[in-house]
Amino acid sequence: MIKVVLSEPNKKNKWLTDELGKNLATVSLWCNKVQQSSIVTLAETADNLNFNIRQLLNATKDK
């Protein structure tokens, strides 16, 4: 879901890494649903993207 949210305001993974102070590889893992961020980081991500965290938390699981 983070990947989708990033694409809407035309943001890139690199932008998010700079905003959160995280490693680009880590953010890539989140965007590709290989790994989940902590709830604290997810809240920071939502704030930086001006996005409602509930929508990130309610994202449906891929089948």
Protein backbone atom coordinates (compact mmCIF):
# COMPACT_ATOMS: atom_id res chain seq x y z
CA MET A 1 0.00 0.00 0.00
CA ILE A 2 2.88 2.39 0.68
CA LYS A 3 3.94 2.07 -2.95
CA VAL A 4 0.47 3.14 -4.10
CA VAL A 5 0.35 6.04 -1.67
CA LEU A 6 3.78 7.23 -2.80
CA SER A 7 2.71 7.24 -6.44
CA GLU A 8 -0.32 9.48 -5.88
CA PRO A 9 1.63 12.65 -4.98
CA ASN A 10 4.39 11.48 -7.36
CA LYS A 11 6.85 10.80 -4.54
CA LYS A 12 9.68 8.30 -4.80
CA ASN A 13 11.16 5.78 -2.37
CA LYS A 14 14.26 7.99 -2.07
CA TRP A 15 12.12 10.89 -0.88
CA LEU A 16 10.57 8.70 1.82
CA THR A 17 13.98 7.42 2.96
CA ASP A 18 15.14 11.00 3.40
CA GLU A 19 11.99 11.98 5.30
CA LEU A 20 12.15 8.99 7.66
CA GLY A 21 15.92 8.64 7.90
CA LYS A 22 15.68 5.02 6.77
CA ASN A 23 17.71 2.91 4.37
CA LEU A 24 16.54 2.81 0.74
CA ALA A 25 16.63 -0.99 0.74
CA THR A 26 14.37 -1.09 3.80
CA VAL A 27 11.80 1.24 2.23
CA SER A 28 11.92 -0.87 -0.93
CA LEU A 29 11.08 -3.96 1.14
CA TRP A 30 8.06 -2.17 2.58
CA CYS A 31 6.89 -0.99 -0.82
CA ASN A 32 7.18 -4.48 -2.28
CA LYS A 33 5.37 -6.03 0.71
CA VAL A 34 8.36 -8.18 1.64
CA GLN A 35 8.65 -6.66 5.10
CA GLN A 36 6.44 -4.48 7.30
CA SER A 37 7.48 -1.31 9.03
CA SER A 38 6.77 -0.76 12.70
CA ILE A 39 3.52 0.95 13.62
CA VAL A 40 5.50 4.03 14.68
CA THR A 41 7.22 4.23 11.29
CA LEU A 42 3.92 3.61 9.53
CA ALA A 43 2.44 6.56 11.43
CA GLU A 44 5.42 8.73 10.44
CA THR A 45 5.00 7.62 6.83
CA ALA A 46 1.32 8.53 6.86
CA ASP A 47 2.11 11.94 8.36
CA ASN A 48 4.80 12.66 5.77
CA LEU A 49 2.44 11.73 2.95
CA ASN A 50 -0.55 13.57 4.47
CA PHE A 51 -2.39 10.28 4.37
CA ASN A 52 -4.77 8.67 6.85
CA ILE A 53 -2.97 5.84 8.64
CA ARG A 54 -6.24 3.91 8.85
CA GLN A 55 -6.17 3.43 5.11
CA LEU A 56 -2.67 1.97 5.35
CA LEU A 57 -3.74 -0.31 8.19
CA ASN A 58 -6.91 -1.45 6.43
CA ALA A 59 -5.13 -2.39 3.22
CA THR A 60 -6.29 -5.77 1.99
CA LYS A 61 -3.91 -8.68 1.83
CA ASP A 62 -2.75 -9.86 -1.59
CA LYS A 63 -4.08 -13.25 -2.57
